[in-house]
PDB file of all heavy atoms in Angstrom:
ATOM      1  N   HIS A   1      -1.880  -4.132   5.469  1.00  0.00           N
ATOM      2  CA  HIS A   1      -1.395  -5.427   5.948  1.00  0.00           C
ATOM      3  C   HIS A   1      -2.531  -6.469   6.099  1.00  0.00           C
ATOM      4  O   HIS A   1      -2.231  -7.666   6.439  1.00  0.00           O
ATOM      5  CB  HIS A   1      -0.558  -5.360   7.212  1.00  0.00           C
ATOM      6  CG  HIS A   1       0.685  -4.714   7.014  1.00  0.00           C
ATOM      7  ND1 HIS A   1       1.736  -5.357   6.281  1.00  0.00           N
ATOM      8  CD2 HIS A   1       1.201  -3.453   7.512  1.00  0.00           C
ATOM      9  CE1 HIS A   1       2.828  -4.539   6.301  1.00  0.00           C
ATOM     10  NE2 HIS A   1       2.453  -3.451   7.028  1.00  0.00           N
ATOM     11  N   ASN A   2      -3.762  -6.129   5.919  1.00  0.00           N
ATOM     12  CA  ASN A   2      -4.849  -7.003   5.792  1.00  0.00           C
ATOM     13  C   ASN A   2      -5.073  -7.586   4.446  1.00  0.00           C
ATOM     14  O   ASN A   2      -6.128  -8.079   4.093  1.00  0.00           O
ATOM     15  CB  ASN A   2      -6.211  -6.377   6.261  1.00  0.00           C
ATOM     16  CG  ASN A   2      -6.198  -6.166   7.845  1.00  0.00           C
ATOM     17  OD1 ASN A   2      -5.604  -6.885   8.509  1.00  0.00           O
ATOM     18  ND2 ASN A   2      -6.746  -5.193   8.284  1.00  0.00           N
ATOM     19  N   HIS A   3      -4.035  -7.445   3.501  1.00  0.00           N
ATOM     20  CA  HIS A   3      -4.089  -8.061   2.281  1.00  0.00           C
ATOM     21  C   HIS A   3      -5.146  -7.556   1.329  1.00  0.00           C
ATOM     22  O   HIS A   3      -5.703  -8.307   0.410  1.00  0.00           O
ATOM     23  CB  HIS A   3      -4.113  -9.657   2.402  1.00  0.00           C
ATOM     24  CG  HIS A   3      -3.126 -10.148   3.231  1.00  0.00           C
ATOM     25  ND1 HIS A   3      -1.837 -10.299   2.832  1.00  0.00           N
ATOM     26  CD2 HIS A   3      -3.230 -10.610   4.525  1.00  0.00           C
ATOM     27  CE1 HIS A   3      -1.066 -10.825   3.835  1.00  0.00           C
ATOM     28  NE2 HIS A   3      -1.861 -11.065   4.847  1.00  0.00           N
ATOM     29  N   LEU A   4      -5.580  -6.323   1.419  1.00  0.00           N
ATOM     30  CA  LEU A   4      -6.481  -5.762   0.384  1.00  0.00           C
ATOM     31  C   LEU A   4      -5.951  -5.961  -0.897  1.00  0.00           C
ATOM     32  O   LEU A   4      -6.792  -6.052  -1.819  1.00  0.00           O
ATOM     33  CB  LEU A   4      -6.822  -4.330   0.787  1.00  0.00           C
ATOM     34  CG  LEU A   4      -7.740  -4.077   1.999  1.00  0.00           C
ATOM     35  CD1 LEU A   4      -7.778  -2.577   2.379  1.00  0.00           C
ATOM     36  CD2 LEU A   4      -9.111  -4.626   1.720  1.00  0.00           C
ATOM     37  N   LEU A   5      -4.665  -5.678  -1.033  1.00  0.00           N
ATOM     38  CA  LEU A   5      -4.104  -5.703  -2.382  1.00  0.00           C
ATOM     39  C   LEU A   5      -3.901  -7.166  -2.991  1.00  0.00           C
ATOM     40  O   LEU A   5      -3.421  -7.094  -4.145  1.00  0.00           O
ATOM     41  CB  LEU A   5      -2.748  -4.997  -2.344  1.00  0.00           C
ATOM     42  CG  LEU A   5      -2.837  -3.480  -1.895  1.00  0.00           C
ATOM     43  CD1 LEU A   5      -1.461  -2.901  -1.790  1.00  0.00           C
ATOM     44  CD2 LEU A   5      -3.678  -2.769  -2.943  1.00  0.00           C
ATOM     45  N   ASN A   6      -4.341  -8.160  -2.314  1.00  0.00           N
ATOM     46  CA  ASN A   6      -4.167  -9.430  -2.976  1.00  0.00           C
ATOM     47  C   ASN A   6      -5.368  -9.706  -3.829  1.00  0.00           C
ATOM     48  O   ASN A   6      -5.422 -10.660  -4.609  1.00  0.00           O
ATOM     49  CB  ASN A   6      -4.242 -10.502  -1.847  1.00  0.00           C
ATOM     50  CG  ASN A   6      -2.824 -10.655  -1.160  1.00  0.00           C
ATOM     51  OD1 ASN A   6      -1.955 -10.259  -1.745  1.00  0.00           O
ATOM     52  ND2 ASN A   6      -2.890 -11.255  -0.038  1.00  0.00           N
ATOM     53  N   GLN A   7      -6.266  -8.692  -4.074  1.00  0.00           N
ATOM     54  CA  GLN A   7      -7.297  -8.832  -4.995  1.00  0.00           C
ATOM     55  C   GLN A   7      -6.821  -8.818  -6.361  1.00  0.00           C
ATOM     56  O   GLN A   7      -6.156  -7.849  -6.730  1.00  0.00           O
ATOM     57  CB  GLN A   7      -8.379  -7.732  -4.795  1.00  0.00           C
ATOM     58  CG  GLN A   7      -9.027  -7.715  -3.407  1.00  0.00           C
ATOM     59  CD  GLN A   7      -9.815  -8.862  -3.112  1.00  0.00           C
ATOM     60  OE1 GLN A   7     -10.526  -9.408  -4.012  1.00  0.00           O
ATOM     61  NE2 GLN A   7      -9.907  -9.353  -1.839  1.00  0.00           N
ATOM     62  N   SER A   8      -7.103  -9.773  -7.131  1.00  0.00           N
ATOM     63  CA  SER A   8      -6.406  -9.838  -8.532  1.00  0.00           C
ATOM     64  C   SER A   8      -6.920  -8.833  -9.558  1.00  0.00           C
ATOM     65  O   SER A   8      -6.267  -8.523 -10.606  1.00  0.00           O
ATOM     66  CB  SER A   8      -6.670 -11.279  -9.194  1.00  0.00           C
ATOM     67  OG  SER A   8      -8.108 -11.391  -9.430  1.00  0.00           O
ATOM     68  N   HIS A   9      -8.051  -8.113  -9.293  1.00  0.00           N
ATOM     69  CA  HIS A   9      -8.418  -7.155 -10.150  1.00  0.00           C
ATOM     70  C   HIS A   9      -8.455  -5.745  -9.767  1.00  0.00           C
ATOM     71  O   HIS A   9      -9.087  -4.853 -10.306  1.00  0.00           O
ATOM     72  CB  HIS A   9      -9.948  -7.486 -10.547  1.00  0.00           C
ATOM     73  CG  HIS A   9     -10.082  -8.812 -11.352  1.00  0.00           C
ATOM     74  ND1 HIS A   9      -9.729  -8.779 -12.640  1.00  0.00           N
ATOM     75  CD2 HIS A   9     -10.466 -10.056 -10.960  1.00  0.00           C
ATOM     76  CE1 HIS A   9      -9.835 -10.142 -12.967  1.00  0.00           C
ATOM     77  NE2 HIS A   9     -10.412 -10.887 -11.878  1.00  0.00           N
ATOM     78  N   ASN A  10      -7.677  -5.475  -8.686  1.00  0.00           N
ATOM     79  CA  ASN A  10      -7.411  -4.011  -8.293  1.00  0.00           C
ATOM     80  C   ASN A  10      -6.781  -3.228  -9.375  1.00  0.00           C
ATOM     81  O   ASN A  10      -5.987  -3.796 -10.067  1.00  0.00           O
ATOM     82  CB  ASN A  10      -6.509  -4.046  -7.058  1.00  0.00           C
ATOM     83  CG  ASN A  10      -7.131  -4.541  -5.846  1.00  0.00           C
ATOM     84  OD1 ASN A  10      -8.237  -4.679  -5.785  1.00  0.00           O
ATOM     85  ND2 ASN A  10      -6.248  -4.711  -4.932  1.00  0.00           N
ATOM     86  N   GLN A  11      -7.346  -2.093  -9.592  1.00  0.00           N
ATOM     87  CA  GLN A  11      -6.819  -1.212 -10.641  1.00  0.00           C
ATOM     88  C   GLN A  11      -6.285   0.185 -10.130  1.00  0.00           C
ATOM     89  O   GLN A  11      -5.336   0.612 -10.692  1.00  0.00           O
ATOM     90  CB  GLN A  11      -7.851  -0.931 -11.807  1.00  0.00           C
ATOM     91  CG  GLN A  11      -8.306  -2.161 -12.521  1.00  0.00           C
ATOM     92  CD  GLN A  11      -9.371  -2.009 -13.552  1.00  0.00           C
ATOM     93  OE1 GLN A  11     -10.254  -1.172 -13.276  1.00  0.00           O
ATOM     94  NE2 GLN A  11      -9.244  -2.654 -14.645  1.00  0.00           N
ATOM     95  N   VAL A  12      -6.917   0.819  -9.005  1.00  0.00           N
ATOM     96  CA  VAL A  12      -6.594   1.935  -8.601  1.00  0.00           C
ATOM     97  C   VAL A  12      -6.309   1.829  -7.038  1.00  0.00           C
ATOM     98  O   VAL A  12      -7.228   1.439  -6.321  1.00  0.00           O
ATOM     99  CB  VAL A  12      -7.549   3.011  -8.882  1.00  0.00           C
ATOM    100  CG1 VAL A  12      -7.167   4.352  -8.237  1.00  0.00           C
ATOM    101  CG2 VAL A  12      -7.762   3.140 -10.249  1.00  0.00           C
ATOM    102  N   LEU A  13      -5.101   2.293  -6.627  1.00  0.00           N
ATOM    103  CA  LEU A  13      -4.809   2.406  -5.197  1.00  0.00           C
ATOM    104  C   LEU A  13      -4.489   3.895  -4.990  1.00  0.00           C
ATOM    105  O   LEU A  13      -3.520   4.356  -5.423  1.00  0.00           O
ATOM    106  CB  LEU A  13      -3.741   1.589  -4.813  1.00  0.00           C
ATOM    107  CG  LEU A  13      -3.187   1.770  -3.304  1.00  0.00           C
ATOM    108  CD1 LEU A  13      -4.339   1.440  -2.383  1.00  0.00           C
ATOM    109  CD2 LEU A  13      -1.997   0.973  -2.999  1.00  0.00           C
ATOM    110  N   HIS A  14      -5.370   4.636  -4.295  1.00  0.00           N
ATOM    111  CA  HIS A  14      -5.210   6.031  -3.890  1.00  0.00           C
ATOM    112  C   HIS A  14      -4.947   6.124  -2.423  1.00  0.00           C
ATOM    113  O   HIS A  14      -5.812   5.999  -1.683  1.00  0.00           O
ATOM    114  CB  HIS A  14      -6.557   6.769  -4.260  1.00  0.00           C
ATOM    115  CG  HIS A  14      -6.366   8.267  -4.147  1.00  0.00           C
ATOM    116  ND1 HIS A  14      -7.260   9.056  -4.694  1.00  0.00           N
ATOM    117  CD2 HIS A  14      -5.393   9.001  -3.549  1.00  0.00           C
ATOM    118  CE1 HIS A  14      -6.904  10.352  -4.324  1.00  0.00           C
ATOM    119  NE2 HIS A  14      -5.774  10.331  -3.767  1.00  0.00           N
ATOM    120  N   GLN A  15      -3.623   6.209  -2.167  1.00  0.00           N
ATOM    121  CA  GLN A  15      -3.153   6.298  -0.783  1.00  0.00           C
ATOM    122  C   GLN A  15      -2.401   7.552  -0.579  1.00  0.00           C
ATOM    123  O   GLN A  15      -1.256   7.572  -0.142  1.00  0.00           O
ATOM    124  CB  GLN A  15      -2.380   5.036  -0.508  1.00  0.00           C
ATOM    125  CG  GLN A  15      -1.977   4.950   0.949  1.00  0.00           C
ATOM    126  CD  GLN A  15      -0.775   4.108   1.219  1.00  0.00           C
ATOM    127  OE1 GLN A  15      -0.533   3.112   0.535  1.00  0.00           O
ATOM    128  NE2 GLN A  15       0.060   4.578   2.115  1.00  0.00           N
ATOM    129  N   SER A  16      -2.985   8.725  -0.841  1.00  0.00           N
ATOM    130  CA  SER A  16      -2.246   9.959  -0.648  1.00  0.00           C
ATOM    131  C   SER A  16      -2.641  10.679   0.595  1.00  0.00           C
ATOM    132  O   SER A  16      -3.684  10.404   1.191  1.00  0.00           O
ATOM    133  CB  SER A  16      -2.524  10.840  -1.888  1.00  0.00           C
ATOM    134  OG  SER A  16      -3.915  11.306  -1.897  1.00  0.00           O
ATOM    135  N   HIS A  17      -1.819  11.711   0.875  1.00  0.00           N
ATOM    136  CA  HIS A  17      -2.036  12.633   2.069  1.00  0.00           C
ATOM    137  C   HIS A  17      -2.259  11.863   3.348  1.00  0.00           C
ATOM    138  O   HIS A  17      -3.158  12.130   4.156  1.00  0.00           O
ATOM    139  CB  HIS A  17      -3.245  13.496   1.810  1.00  0.00           C
ATOM    140  CG  HIS A  17      -3.074  14.392   0.666  1.00  0.00           C
ATOM    141  ND1 HIS A  17      -3.121  14.046  -0.681  1.00  0.00           N
ATOM    142  CD2 HIS A  17      -2.660  15.757   0.555  1.00  0.00           C
ATOM    143  CE1 HIS A  17      -2.923  15.113  -1.481  1.00  0.00           C
ATOM    144  NE2 HIS A  17      -2.650  16.128  -0.742  1.00  0.00           N
ATOM    145  N   ASN A  18      -1.564  10.900   3.638  1.00  0.00           N
ATOM    146  CA  ASN A  18      -1.381  10.234   4.939  1.00  0.00           C
ATOM    147  C   ASN A  18      -0.018  10.493   5.629  1.00  0.00           C
ATOM    148  O   ASN A  18       0.832  10.749   5.008  1.00  0.00           O
ATOM    149  CB  ASN A  18      -1.509   8.713   4.777  1.00  0.00           C
ATOM    150  CG  ASN A  18      -2.773   8.281   4.133  1.00  0.00           C
ATOM    151  OD1 ASN A  18      -3.712   8.247   4.924  1.00  0.00           O
ATOM    152  ND2 ASN A  18      -2.790   7.855   2.913  1.00  0.00           N
ATOM    153  N   GLN A  19      -0.116  10.572   6.988  1.00  0.00           N
ATOM    154  CA  GLN A  19       1.065  10.893   7.699  1.00  0.00           C
ATOM    155  C   GLN A  19       1.833   9.844   8.213  1.00  0.00           C
ATOM    156  O   GLN A  19       1.679   9.349   9.359  1.00  0.00           O
ATOM    157  CB  GLN A  19       0.684  11.926   8.871  1.00  0.00           C
ATOM    158  CG  GLN A  19       0.095  13.176   8.353  1.00  0.00           C
ATOM    159  CD  GLN A  19      -0.295  14.139   9.433  1.00  0.00           C
ATOM    160  OE1 GLN A  19       0.218  13.955  10.625  1.00  0.00           O
ATOM    161  NE2 GLN A  19      -1.062  15.063   9.223  1.00  0.00           N
ATOM    162  N   VAL A  20       2.440   9.064   7.257  1.00  0.00           N
ATOM    163  CA  VAL A  20       3.306   7.912   7.629  1.00  0.00           C
ATOM    164  C   VAL A  20       4.801   8.339   7.881  1.00  0.00           C
ATOM    165  O   VAL A  20       5.593   7.969   7.059  1.00  0.00           O
ATOM    166  CB  VAL A  20       3.160   6.725   6.680  1.00  0.00           C
ATOM    167  CG1 VAL A  20       1.812   6.049   6.854  1.00  0.00           C
ATOM    168  CG2 VAL A  20       3.268   7.283   5.200  1.00  0.00           C
ATOM    169  N   LEU A  21       4.985   9.086   8.865  1.00  0.00           N
ATOM    170  CA  LEU A  21       6.313   9.666   9.153  1.00  0.00           C
ATOM    171  C   LEU A  21       7.283   8.601   9.360  1.00  0.00           C
ATOM    172  O   LEU A  21       7.205   7.598   9.938  1.00  0.00           O
ATOM    173  CB  LEU A  21       6.170  10.552  10.560  1.00  0.00           C
ATOM    174  CG  LEU A  21       5.383  11.839  10.265  1.00  0.00           C
ATOM    175  CD1 LEU A  21       5.235  12.507  11.668  1.00  0.00           C
ATOM    176  CD2 LEU A  21       5.940  12.763   9.297  1.00  0.00           C
ATOM    177  N   ASN A  22       8.461   8.879   8.780  1.00  0.00           N
ATOM    178  CA  ASN A  22       9.688   8.110   9.016  1.00  0.00           C
ATOM    179  C   ASN A  22       9.505   6.733   8.424  1.00  0.00           C
ATOM    180  O   ASN A  22      10.380   5.752   8.825  1.00  0.00           O
ATOM    181  CB  ASN A  22      10.166   7.963  10.394  1.00  0.00           C
ATOM    182  CG  ASN A  22      10.486   9.346  10.958  1.00  0.00           C
ATOM    183  OD1 ASN A  22      11.122  10.196  10.347  1.00  0.00           O
ATOM    184  ND2 ASN A  22      10.061   9.634  12.184  1.00  0.00           N
ATOM    185  N   GLN A  23       8.639   6.487   7.453  1.00  0.00           N
ATOM    186  CA  GLN A  23       8.458   5.191   6.806  1.00  0.00           C
ATOM    187  C   GLN A  23       8.958   5.332   5.404  1.00  0.00           C
ATOM    188  O   GLN A  23       8.767   6.303   4.771  1.00  0.00           O
ATOM    189  CB  GLN A  23       7.090   4.713   6.844  1.00  0.00           C
ATOM    190  CG  GLN A  23       6.491   4.491   8.222  1.00  0.00           C
ATOM    191  CD  GLN A  23       7.059   3.296   8.889  1.00  0.00           C
ATOM    192  OE1 GLN A  23       7.175   2.288   8.286  1.00  0.00           O
ATOM    193  NE2 GLN A  23       7.378   3.329  10.127  1.00  0.00           N
ATOM    194  N   SER A  24       9.410   4.319   4.880  1.00  0.00           N
ATOM    195  CA  SER A  24       9.795   4.207   3.458  1.00  0.00           C
ATOM    196  C   SER A  24       8.540   3.762   2.651  1.00  0.00           C
ATOM    197  O   SER A  24       7.727   3.051   3.159  1.00  0.00           O
ATOM    198  CB  SER A  24      10.941   3.444   3.161  1.00  0.00           C
ATOM    199  OG  SER A  24      10.785   2.027   3.275  1.00  0.00           O
ATOM    200  N   HIS A  25       8.539   4.120   1.338  1.00  0.00           N
ATOM    201  CA  HIS A  25       7.593   3.625   0.458  1.00  0.00           C
ATOM    202  C   HIS A  25       7.575   2.114   0.557  1.00  0.00           C
ATOM    203  O   HIS A  25       6.547   1.412   0.393  1.00  0.00           O
ATOM    204  CB  HIS A  25       7.797   4.068  -0.909  1.00  0.00           C
ATOM    205  CG  HIS A  25       9.151   3.783  -1.443  1.00  0.00           C
ATOM    206  ND1 HIS A  25      10.288   4.547  -1.034  1.00  0.00           N
ATOM    207  CD2 HIS A  25       9.544   2.825  -2.336  1.00  0.00           C
ATOM    208  CE1 HIS A  25      11.318   4.019  -1.648  1.00  0.00           C
ATOM    209  NE2 HIS A  25      10.997   2.972  -2.385  1.00  0.00           N
ATOM    210  N   ASN A  26       8.676   1.496   0.594  1.00  0.00           N
ATOM    211  CA  ASN A  26       8.828   0.045   0.581  1.00  0.00           C
ATOM    212  C   ASN A  26       8.262  -0.557   1.774  1.00  0.00           C
ATOM    213  O   ASN A  26       7.748  -1.793   1.891  1.00  0.00           O
ATOM    214  CB  ASN A  26      10.230  -0.315   0.311  1.00  0.00           C
ATOM    215  CG  ASN A  26      10.366  -1.790  -0.252  1.00  0.00           C
ATOM    216  OD1 ASN A  26       9.536  -2.264  -1.042  1.00  0.00           O
ATOM    217  ND2 ASN A  26      11.387  -2.481   0.215  1.00  0.00           N
ATOM    218  N   GLN A  27       8.348   0.064   2.917  1.00  0.00           N
ATOM    219  CA  GLN A  27       7.842  -0.480   4.282  1.00  0.00           C
ATOM    220  C   GLN A  27       6.303  -0.457   4.330  1.00  0.00           C
ATOM    221  O   GLN A  27       5.717  -1.313   4.774  1.00  0.00           O
ATOM    222  CB  GLN A  27       8.350   0.355   5.419  1.00  0.00           C
ATOM    223  CG  GLN A  27       9.844   0.144   5.712  1.00  0.00           C
ATOM    224  CD  GLN A  27      10.396   1.005   6.693  1.00  0.00           C
ATOM    225  OE1 GLN A  27      10.344   2.241   6.583  1.00  0.00           O
ATOM    226  NE2 GLN A  27      10.939   0.481   7.844  1.00  0.00           N
ATOM    227  N   VAL A  28       5.700   0.631   3.745  1.00  0.00           N
ATOM    228  CA  VAL A  28       4.361   0.778   3.806  1.00  0.00           C
ATOM    229  C   VAL A  28       3.549  -0.032   2.844  1.00  0.00           C
ATOM    230  O   VAL A  28       2.582  -0.617   3.146  1.00  0.00           O
ATOM    231  CB  VAL A  28       4.019   2.372   3.593  1.00  0.00           C
ATOM    232  CG1 VAL A  28       2.370   2.412   3.520  1.00  0.00           C
ATOM    233  CG2 VAL A  28       4.532   3.109   4.746  1.00  0.00           C
ATOM    234  N   LEU A  29       4.097  -0.153   1.712  1.00  0.00           N
ATOM    235  CA  LEU A  29       3.542  -1.054   0.619  1.00  0.00           C
ATOM    236  C   LEU A  29       4.410  -2.246   0.325  1.00  0.00           C
ATOM    237  O   LEU A  29       5.526  -2.129  -0.301  1.00  0.00           O
ATOM    238  CB  LEU A  29       3.349  -0.191  -0.711  1.00  0.00           C
ATOM    239  CG  LEU A  29       2.121   0.637  -0.728  1.00  0.00           C
ATOM    240  CD1 LEU A  29       2.132   1.311  -2.082  1.00  0.00           C
ATOM    241  CD2 LEU A  29       0.812  -0.102  -0.563  1.00  0.00           C
ATOM    242  N   ASN A  30       4.077  -3.404   0.917  1.00  0.00           N
ATOM    243  CA  ASN A  30       4.904  -4.623   0.655  1.00  0.00           C
ATOM    244  C   ASN A  30       4.771  -4.882  -0.934  1.00  0.00           C
ATOM    245  O   ASN A  30       3.634  -5.129  -1.361  1.00  0.00           O
ATOM    246  CB  ASN A  30       4.369  -5.737   1.474  1.00  0.00           C
ATOM    247  CG  ASN A  30       5.129  -6.997   1.324  1.00  0.00           C
ATOM    248  OD1 ASN A  30       5.832  -7.217   0.352  1.00  0.00           O
ATOM    249  ND2 ASN A  30       5.152  -7.751   2.483  1.00  0.00           N
ATOM    250  N   GLN A  31       5.837  -4.972  -1.638  1.00  0.00           N
ATOM    251  CA  GLN A  31       5.779  -5.192  -2.996  1.00  0.00           C
ATOM    252  C   GLN A  31       5.114  -6.532  -3.411  1.00  0.00           C
ATOM    253  O   GLN A  31       4.604  -6.712  -4.511  1.00  0.00           O
ATOM    254  CB  GLN A  31       7.200  -5.231  -3.612  1.00  0.00           C
ATOM    255  CG  GLN A  31       8.199  -6.237  -3.161  1.00  0.00           C
ATOM    256  CD  GLN A  31       9.491  -6.044  -3.656  1.00  0.00           C
ATOM    257  OE1 GLN A  31       9.954  -4.941  -3.882  1.00  0.00           O
ATOM    258  NE2 GLN A  31      10.238  -7.131  -3.818  1.00  0.00           N
ATOM    259  N   ASN A  32       5.126  -7.484  -2.520  1.00  0.00           N
ATOM    260  CA  ASN A  32       4.413  -8.746  -2.832  1.00  0.00           C
ATOM    261  C   ASN A  32       3.006  -8.651  -3.009  1.00  0.00           C
ATOM    262  O   ASN A  32       2.369  -9.465  -3.728  1.00  0.00           O
ATOM    263  CB  ASN A  32       4.781  -9.752  -1.755  1.00  0.00           C
ATOM    264  CG  ASN A  32       6.253 -10.148  -1.587  1.00  0.00           C
ATOM    265  OD1 ASN A  32       6.880 -10.210  -2.674  1.00  0.00           O
ATOM    266  ND2 ASN A  32       6.684 -10.474  -0.435  1.00  0.00           N
ATOM    267  N   HIS A  33       2.398  -7.584  -2.456  1.00  0.00           N
ATOM    268  CA  HIS A  33       0.980  -7.393  -2.661  1.00  0.00           C
ATOM    269  C   HIS A  33       0.580  -6.906  -4.113  1.00  0.00           C
ATOM    270  O   HIS A  33      -0.495  -7.144  -4.525  1.00  0.00           O
ATOM    271  CB  HIS A  33       0.323  -6.293  -1.633  1.00  0.00           C
ATOM    272  CG  HIS A  33       0.505  -6.732  -0.186  1.00  0.00           C
ATOM    273  ND1 HIS A  33       0.099  -7.948   0.267  1.00  0.00           N
ATOM    274  CD2 HIS A  33       0.982  -6.116   0.971  1.00  0.00           C
ATOM    275  CE1 HIS A  33       0.194  -8.126   1.583  1.00  0.00           C
ATOM    276  NE2 HIS A  33       0.853  -7.004   1.932  1.00  0.00           N
TER     277      HIS A  33
END
């Protein structure tokens, strides 16, 4: 939510093996980013 994904040249986002219980993929990653 600190807008790391607003960087225009991001190519790889590796966000595996985190315990975000009861969250949907859409809640954790805002598609606008």
